[in-house]
Amino acid sequence: MVSWAMFPESALVLTRGQPKTINSSGSAMRSFCGTCGTGLFYRNATVLPGLVDVQTSTLDDPEALPPTLQVQVAERLHWMEHVNELPRFERYPA
């Protein structure tokens, strides 16, 4: 599961480093850290022209952009509808 925040591509400013980018399928471009492999950005000029999706967990303050909607749920696994009902552990359970 991943949370994304969408911005105009012109608003994206990298302050350090240069991500690796691959064409994952047709016009879908996925960028990630070339050192650790962390996913960073998603671009699709055909479906989302001029926009970039940023994985919010990579932001300095991911709490600043909480999700406001769910997208692409057509193929969601059935059990995801109730994942919030599962037992929770702040760390690995003993």
N, C-alpha and C. Protein backbone atom coordinates (compact mmCIF):
# COMPACT_ATOMS: atom_id res chain seq x y z
N MET A 1 0.86 -1.16 0.00
CA MET A 1 0.00 0.00 0.00
C MET A 1 0.90 1.22 0.00
N VAL A 2 0.49 2.25 -0.72
CA VAL A 2 1.31 3.46 -0.81
C VAL A 2 0.40 4.67 -0.87
N SER A 3 0.88 5.75 -0.32
CA SER A 3 0.14 7.01 -0.36
C SER A 3 0.89 7.97 -1.28
N TRP A 4 0.15 8.63 -2.16
CA TRP A 4 0.73 9.57 -3.12
C TRP A 4 0.13 10.95 -2.93
N ALA A 5 0.90 11.97 -3.26
CA ALA A 5 0.40 13.34 -3.35
C ALA A 5 0.72 13.83 -4.76
N MET A 6 -0.25 14.42 -5.40
CA MET A 6 -0.08 14.84 -6.79
C MET A 6 0.18 16.34 -6.86
N PHE A 7 1.16 16.71 -7.67
CA PHE A 7 1.56 18.10 -7.84
C PHE A 7 1.78 18.41 -9.31
N PRO A 8 1.72 19.69 -9.69
CA PRO A 8 2.16 20.05 -11.04
C PRO A 8 3.65 19.68 -11.16
N GLU A 9 4.02 19.09 -12.28
CA GLU A 9 5.40 18.68 -12.47
C GLU A 9 6.36 19.86 -12.31
N SER A 10 5.93 21.05 -12.68
CA SER A 10 6.78 22.24 -12.58
C SER A 10 7.06 22.62 -11.13
N ALA A 11 6.27 22.12 -10.18
CA ALA A 11 6.46 22.45 -8.76
C ALA A 11 7.48 21.53 -8.08
N LEU A 12 7.85 20.44 -8.75
CA LEU A 12 8.78 19.48 -8.15
C LEU A 12 10.21 20.02 -8.26
N VAL A 13 10.83 20.19 -7.10
CA VAL A 13 12.21 20.67 -7.05
C VAL A 13 13.02 19.69 -6.20
N LEU A 14 14.04 19.12 -6.80
CA LEU A 14 14.94 18.23 -6.06
C LEU A 14 16.04 19.08 -5.43
N THR A 15 16.29 18.87 -4.16
CA THR A 15 17.32 19.65 -3.48
C THR A 15 18.63 18.88 -3.37
N ARG A 16 18.56 17.57 -3.64
CA ARG A 16 19.76 16.76 -3.53
C ARG A 16 19.60 15.48 -4.32
N GLY A 17 20.64 15.04 -4.97
CA GLY A 17 20.64 13.76 -5.67
C GLY A 17 19.88 13.78 -6.98
N GLN A 18 19.98 12.67 -7.69
CA GLN A 18 19.28 12.50 -8.96
C GLN A 18 18.68 11.10 -8.98
N PRO A 19 17.36 10.98 -9.01
CA PRO A 19 16.75 9.64 -8.99
C PRO A 19 16.98 8.90 -10.30
N LYS A 20 16.86 7.60 -10.23
CA LYS A 20 16.86 6.74 -11.42
C LYS A 20 15.42 6.67 -11.89
N THR A 21 15.21 6.62 -13.18
CA THR A 21 13.87 6.55 -13.73
C THR A 21 13.80 5.44 -14.76
N ILE A 22 12.72 4.65 -14.69
CA ILE A 22 12.50 3.59 -15.67
C ILE A 22 11.12 3.77 -16.28
N ASN A 23 10.98 3.30 -17.50
CA ASN A 23 9.67 3.25 -18.14
C ASN A 23 9.08 1.90 -17.75
N SER A 24 8.10 1.92 -16.86
CA SER A 24 7.57 0.66 -16.33
C SER A 24 6.51 0.04 -17.23
N SER A 25 5.86 0.85 -18.05
CA SER A 25 4.86 0.30 -18.97
C SER A 25 4.30 1.42 -19.84
N GLY A 26 4.64 1.43 -21.08
CA GLY A 26 4.13 2.45 -21.99
C GLY A 26 4.59 3.84 -21.61
N SER A 27 3.66 4.68 -21.19
CA SER A 27 4.02 6.06 -20.84
C SER A 27 4.24 6.25 -19.34
N ALA A 28 4.21 5.18 -18.55
CA ALA A 28 4.41 5.27 -17.10
C ALA A 28 5.88 5.30 -16.76
N MET A 29 6.30 6.38 -16.10
CA MET A 29 7.69 6.55 -15.70
C MET A 29 7.76 6.52 -14.18
N ARG A 30 8.58 5.64 -13.63
CA ARG A 30 8.72 5.51 -12.19
C ARG A 30 10.15 5.89 -11.80
N SER A 31 10.25 6.79 -10.82
CA SER A 31 11.56 7.24 -10.35
C SER A 31 11.78 6.72 -8.93
N PHE A 32 13.04 6.39 -8.65
CA PHE A 32 13.38 5.82 -7.35
C PHE A 32 14.82 6.19 -7.00
N CYS A 33 15.17 6.03 -5.74
CA CYS A 33 16.53 6.28 -5.29
C CYS A 33 17.44 5.20 -5.86
N GLY A 34 18.48 5.61 -6.57
CA GLY A 34 19.40 4.66 -7.16
C GLY A 34 20.29 3.97 -6.14
N THR A 35 20.34 4.46 -4.92
CA THR A 35 21.15 3.86 -3.87
C THR A 35 20.38 2.82 -3.07
N CYS A 36 19.20 3.19 -2.57
CA CYS A 36 18.45 2.27 -1.70
C CYS A 36 17.22 1.65 -2.36
N GLY A 37 16.79 2.21 -3.49
CA GLY A 37 15.64 1.65 -4.20
C GLY A 37 14.29 2.18 -3.78
N THR A 38 14.24 3.12 -2.85
CA THR A 38 12.97 3.68 -2.40
C THR A 38 12.25 4.35 -3.55
N GLY A 39 10.98 4.01 -3.74
CA GLY A 39 10.17 4.67 -4.76
C GLY A 39 9.96 6.12 -4.42
N LEU A 40 10.00 7.00 -5.42
CA LEU A 40 9.86 8.43 -5.18
C LEU A 40 8.71 9.06 -5.96
N PHE A 41 8.73 8.91 -7.30
CA PHE A 41 7.78 9.63 -8.15
C PHE A 41 7.17 8.72 -9.20
N TYR A 42 5.99 9.11 -9.66
CA TYR A 42 5.33 8.44 -10.77
C TYR A 42 4.84 9.52 -11.73
N ARG A 43 5.14 9.35 -13.00
CA ARG A 43 4.66 10.27 -14.03
C ARG A 43 4.04 9.45 -15.16
N ASN A 44 2.97 9.97 -15.73
CA ASN A 44 2.36 9.34 -16.89
C ASN A 44 1.79 10.47 -17.75
N ALA A 45 2.55 10.89 -18.74
CA ALA A 45 2.17 12.04 -19.57
C ALA A 45 0.88 11.80 -20.34
N THR A 46 0.51 10.55 -20.56
CA THR A 46 -0.73 10.25 -21.28
C THR A 46 -1.94 10.38 -20.38
N VAL A 47 -1.87 9.80 -19.19
CA VAL A 47 -3.00 9.77 -18.27
C VAL A 47 -3.04 11.00 -17.36
N LEU A 48 -1.87 11.48 -16.94
CA LEU A 48 -1.77 12.60 -16.00
C LEU A 48 -0.82 13.66 -16.54
N PRO A 49 -1.15 14.28 -17.67
CA PRO A 49 -0.22 15.23 -18.28
C PRO A 49 0.11 16.40 -17.35
N GLY A 50 1.41 16.69 -17.23
CA GLY A 50 1.85 17.82 -16.43
C GLY A 50 1.84 17.60 -14.93
N LEU A 51 1.55 16.36 -14.50
CA LEU A 51 1.46 16.07 -13.07
C LEU A 51 2.51 15.04 -12.67
N VAL A 52 2.88 15.07 -11.41
CA VAL A 52 3.78 14.07 -10.85
C VAL A 52 3.20 13.61 -9.52
N ASP A 53 3.20 12.31 -9.31
CA ASP A 53 2.81 11.74 -8.03
C ASP A 53 4.07 11.54 -7.20
N VAL A 54 4.03 11.98 -5.95
CA VAL A 54 5.16 11.84 -5.03
C VAL A 54 4.72 10.93 -3.90
N GLN A 55 5.53 9.92 -3.59
CA GLN A 55 5.21 9.05 -2.46
C GLN A 55 5.36 9.87 -1.18
N THR A 56 4.25 10.03 -0.46
CA THR A 56 4.26 10.92 0.70
C THR A 56 5.16 10.43 1.83
N SER A 57 5.42 9.15 1.91
CA SER A 57 6.28 8.65 2.97
C SER A 57 7.72 9.12 2.81
N THR A 58 8.08 9.65 1.64
CA THR A 58 9.43 10.14 1.41
C THR A 58 9.60 11.62 1.76
N LEU A 59 8.52 12.28 2.12
CA LEU A 59 8.59 13.70 2.45
C LEU A 59 9.21 13.90 3.84
N ASP A 60 9.78 15.07 4.07
CA ASP A 60 10.32 15.39 5.40
C ASP A 60 9.23 15.32 6.46
N ASP A 61 8.01 15.72 6.09
CA ASP A 61 6.88 15.69 7.03
C ASP A 61 5.67 15.02 6.35
N PRO A 62 5.66 13.69 6.28
CA PRO A 62 4.55 13.01 5.61
C PRO A 62 3.20 13.24 6.27
N GLU A 63 3.19 13.60 7.56
CA GLU A 63 1.93 13.88 8.26
C GLU A 63 1.25 15.13 7.71
N ALA A 64 2.00 15.97 7.01
CA ALA A 64 1.46 17.23 6.50
C ALA A 64 0.46 17.03 5.36
N LEU A 65 0.52 15.86 4.72
CA LEU A 65 -0.38 15.59 3.60
C LEU A 65 -1.14 14.28 3.81
N PRO A 66 -2.10 14.24 4.72
CA PRO A 66 -2.87 13.01 4.94
C PRO A 66 -3.74 12.70 3.72
N PRO A 67 -4.00 11.43 3.46
CA PRO A 67 -4.86 11.07 2.33
C PRO A 67 -6.26 11.67 2.46
N THR A 68 -6.83 12.03 1.33
CA THR A 68 -8.19 12.58 1.29
C THR A 68 -9.13 11.75 0.44
N LEU A 69 -8.59 10.77 -0.30
CA LEU A 69 -9.43 9.91 -1.13
C LEU A 69 -8.66 8.66 -1.50
N GLN A 70 -9.39 7.67 -2.03
CA GLN A 70 -8.79 6.43 -2.50
C GLN A 70 -9.03 6.32 -4.00
N VAL A 71 -7.96 5.96 -4.73
CA VAL A 71 -8.02 5.87 -6.18
C VAL A 71 -7.53 4.49 -6.61
N GLN A 72 -8.04 4.01 -7.72
CA GLN A 72 -7.63 2.73 -8.29
C GLN A 72 -8.02 1.56 -7.38
N VAL A 73 -9.23 1.57 -6.88
CA VAL A 73 -9.68 0.50 -6.00
C VAL A 73 -10.38 -0.64 -6.75
N ALA A 74 -10.46 -0.54 -8.06
CA ALA A 74 -11.17 -1.56 -8.86
C ALA A 74 -10.58 -2.96 -8.66
N GLU A 75 -9.27 -3.05 -8.51
CA GLU A 75 -8.63 -4.36 -8.32
C GLU A 75 -8.17 -4.57 -6.88
N ARG A 76 -8.69 -3.76 -5.96
CA ARG A 76 -8.28 -3.89 -4.56
C ARG A 76 -8.59 -5.30 -4.07
N LEU A 77 -7.66 -5.88 -3.33
CA LEU A 77 -7.89 -7.18 -2.72
C LEU A 77 -9.05 -7.07 -1.74
N HIS A 78 -9.88 -8.08 -1.72
CA HIS A 78 -11.08 -8.04 -0.88
C HIS A 78 -10.75 -7.75 0.58
N TRP A 79 -9.68 -8.36 1.11
CA TRP A 79 -9.36 -8.19 2.52
C TRP A 79 -8.91 -6.78 2.87
N MET A 80 -8.53 -5.97 1.89
CA MET A 80 -8.12 -4.59 2.18
C MET A 80 -9.29 -3.73 2.67
N GLU A 81 -10.49 -4.11 2.35
CA GLU A 81 -11.66 -3.35 2.80
C GLU A 81 -11.77 -3.33 4.32
N HIS A 82 -11.17 -4.32 4.99
CA HIS A 82 -11.30 -4.45 6.44
C HIS A 82 -9.95 -4.42 7.15
N VAL A 83 -8.90 -3.99 6.47
CA VAL A 83 -7.57 -4.03 7.07
C VAL A 83 -7.49 -3.19 8.34
N ASN A 84 -8.29 -2.15 8.43
CA ASN A 84 -8.27 -1.30 9.64
C ASN A 84 -8.84 -2.02 10.86
N GLU A 85 -9.46 -3.17 10.68
CA GLU A 85 -10.02 -3.93 11.80
C GLU A 85 -9.03 -4.95 12.38
N LEU A 86 -7.89 -5.13 11.75
CA LEU A 86 -6.90 -6.11 12.21
C LEU A 86 -6.20 -5.62 13.47
N PRO A 87 -5.68 -6.55 14.29
CA PRO A 87 -4.92 -6.14 15.47
C PRO A 87 -3.74 -5.27 15.06
N ARG A 88 -3.38 -4.32 15.93
CA ARG A 88 -2.29 -3.37 15.63
C ARG A 88 -1.17 -3.51 16.65
N PHE A 89 0.04 -3.37 16.17
CA PHE A 89 1.23 -3.43 17.01
C PHE A 89 2.12 -2.25 16.63
N GLU A 90 2.60 -1.50 17.61
CA GLU A 90 3.49 -0.38 17.32
C GLU A 90 4.84 -0.87 16.82
N ARG A 91 5.24 -2.05 17.21
CA ARG A 91 6.49 -2.68 16.76
C ARG A 91 6.16 -4.15 16.49
N TYR A 92 7.14 -4.92 16.09
CA TYR A 92 6.91 -6.35 15.86
C TYR A 92 6.36 -6.99 17.13
N PRO A 93 5.31 -7.81 17.00
CA PRO A 93 4.76 -8.44 18.20
C PRO A 93 5.75 -9.46 18.79
N ALA A 94 5.65 -9.63 20.10
CA ALA A 94 6.55 -10.56 20.81
C ALA A 94 6.16 -11.99 20.51
